[in-house]
Amino acid sequence: MELKQVVKLCDQALDAMKAENIVVIDVTGRSSMSDVLVFATGTSTRHVKALAHAVNSDAKKAGLDSLGLEGADEGQWALVDLGDVVVHIMLPDVRAFYQLERLWESGDEALPEAQRSQA
């Protein structure tokens, strides 16, 4: 599956489960860990858990190998590692505290929603 298709799958899974503030950042060439980081906010620990499991489940249904699902037990910050795409799902206060996307974002690297939808 192409990178854009994986990003679209993650975006759709998160959107379908009512994730808030979905941000997709292309880190190609700036990270050896992945090419795309996806950030989303869940409204409660139960919501964070459900979002992580939905992304993981949809990826598996599409034939992707999930390299890991971390933090879904606690539900404050869950990470779904799909290799070239890593999805971070956090509670609002956790996301505000760590501000991870600010480490990677520099204007044009973030893909706007319209561009993600066309992928």
Protein backbone atom coordinates (compact mmCIF):
# COMPACT_ATOMS: atom_id res chain seq x y z
CA MET A 1 0.00 0.00 0.00
CA GLU A 2 1.34 3.44 -0.91
CA LEU A 3 2.19 5.97 1.76
CA LYS A 4 -0.65 8.32 0.77
CA GLN A 5 -3.13 5.45 1.04
CA VAL A 6 -1.91 4.58 4.54
CA VAL A 7 -2.25 8.22 5.61
CA LYS A 8 -5.75 8.35 4.14
CA LEU A 9 -6.71 5.12 5.92
CA CYS A 10 -5.53 6.55 9.27
CA ASP A 11 -7.23 9.88 8.66
CA GLN A 12 -10.52 8.18 7.75
CA ALA A 13 -10.40 5.84 10.76
CA LEU A 14 -9.77 8.75 13.10
CA ASP A 15 -12.42 10.94 11.48
CA ALA A 16 -15.02 8.16 11.56
CA MET A 17 -14.47 7.79 15.30
CA LYS A 18 -14.77 11.57 15.86
CA ALA A 19 -11.12 12.29 16.69
CA GLU A 20 -10.43 15.98 17.17
CA ASN A 21 -7.72 18.19 15.71
CA ILE A 22 -6.17 15.68 13.29
CA VAL A 23 -2.79 16.90 12.03
CA VAL A 24 -0.65 15.08 9.47
CA ILE A 25 3.02 16.03 9.17
CA ASP A 26 5.41 14.79 6.48
CA VAL A 27 8.79 14.15 8.09
CA THR A 28 10.35 12.41 5.09
CA GLY A 29 14.09 12.93 5.16
CA ARG A 30 13.99 14.42 8.66
CA SER A 31 13.36 11.22 10.59
CA SER A 32 14.75 7.73 10.21
CA MET A 33 11.80 6.33 12.19
CA SER A 34 8.93 7.22 9.85
CA ASP A 35 7.89 9.38 6.92
CA VAL A 36 4.59 10.69 8.27
CA LEU A 37 3.38 11.53 11.76
CA VAL A 38 -0.34 11.74 12.49
CA PHE A 39 -1.58 13.49 15.63
CA ALA A 40 -5.14 13.38 16.94
CA THR A 41 -6.96 14.19 20.16
CA GLY A 42 -9.43 11.97 21.98
CA THR A 43 -11.99 13.38 24.39
CA SER A 44 -11.52 10.77 27.14
CA THR A 45 -9.33 7.79 27.97
CA ARG A 46 -12.00 5.51 26.54
CA HIS A 47 -12.07 7.57 23.32
CA VAL A 48 -8.26 7.49 22.98
CA LYS A 49 -8.31 3.70 23.39
CA ALA A 50 -11.13 3.32 20.85
CA LEU A 51 -9.36 5.55 18.32
CA ALA A 52 -6.11 3.60 18.63
CA HIS A 53 -7.85 0.26 18.25
CA ALA A 54 -9.86 1.55 15.25
CA VAL A 55 -6.72 2.69 13.42
CA ASN A 56 -4.94 -0.57 14.25
CA SER A 57 -7.93 -2.68 13.20
CA ASP A 58 -8.50 -0.80 9.92
CA ALA A 59 -4.80 -1.12 9.09
CA LYS A 60 -4.86 -4.86 9.67
CA LYS A 61 -8.03 -5.22 7.56
CA ALA A 62 -6.20 -3.40 4.75
CA GLY A 63 -3.35 -5.90 4.98
CA LEU A 64 -0.87 -3.66 6.79
CA ASP A 65 1.42 -5.00 9.47
CA SER A 66 1.11 -2.98 12.64
CA LEU A 67 4.54 -2.79 14.25
CA GLY A 68 3.07 -1.81 17.58
CA LEU A 69 0.20 -0.45 19.59
CA GLU A 70 1.40 1.27 22.74
CA GLY A 71 -0.40 3.10 25.52
CA ALA A 72 -3.89 1.91 24.66
CA ASP A 73 -4.20 0.29 28.08
CA GLU A 74 -3.90 3.60 29.93
CA GLY A 75 -5.62 5.72 27.29
CA GLN A 76 -3.86 9.01 27.90
CA TRP A 77 -1.51 8.70 24.93
CA ALA A 78 -1.68 5.87 22.44
CA LEU A 79 0.71 5.25 19.59
CA VAL A 80 0.02 3.10 16.53
CA ASP A 81 3.20 2.28 14.60
CA LEU A 82 2.52 1.36 10.98
CA GLY A 83 6.15 1.69 9.90
CA ASP A 84 6.27 4.68 7.58
CA VAL A 85 3.27 6.21 9.39
CA VAL A 86 3.12 6.67 13.16
CA VAL A 87 -0.16 7.77 14.74
CA HIS A 88 -0.20 9.58 18.10
CA ILE A 89 -3.57 9.86 19.86
CA MET A 90 -3.64 11.90 23.06
CA LEU A 91 -5.90 13.48 25.60
CA PRO A 92 -6.09 17.28 25.18
CA ASP A 93 -3.94 18.09 28.24
CA VAL A 94 -1.27 15.53 27.27
CA ARG A 95 -1.12 16.87 23.73
CA ALA A 96 -0.92 20.46 24.97
CA PHE A 97 1.85 19.57 27.42
CA TYR A 98 4.13 17.74 24.98
CA GLN A 99 3.32 19.73 21.81
CA LEU A 100 5.08 17.11 19.67
CA GLU A 101 3.81 18.42 16.36
CA ARG A 102 5.55 21.74 17.03
CA LEU A 103 8.87 19.86 16.98
CA TRP A 104 8.24 18.77 13.40
CA GLU A 105 5.99 21.43 11.92
CA SER A 106 7.54 24.26 9.99
CA GLY A 107 4.71 25.63 7.92
CA ASP A 108 4.45 23.74 4.66
CA GLU A 109 5.19 20.25 5.99
CA ALA A 110 1.75 19.87 7.56
CA LEU A 111 -0.76 18.48 5.08
CA PRO A 112 -4.09 20.32 5.20
CA GLU A 113 -7.28 18.27 5.45
CA ALA A 114 -8.22 18.92 1.81
CA GLN A 115 -4.87 17.54 0.62
CA ARG A 116 -5.16 14.47 2.88
CA SER A 117 -8.62 13.76 1.46
CA GLN A 118 -7.28 13.82 -2.09
CA ALA A 119 -4.46 11.40 -1.29
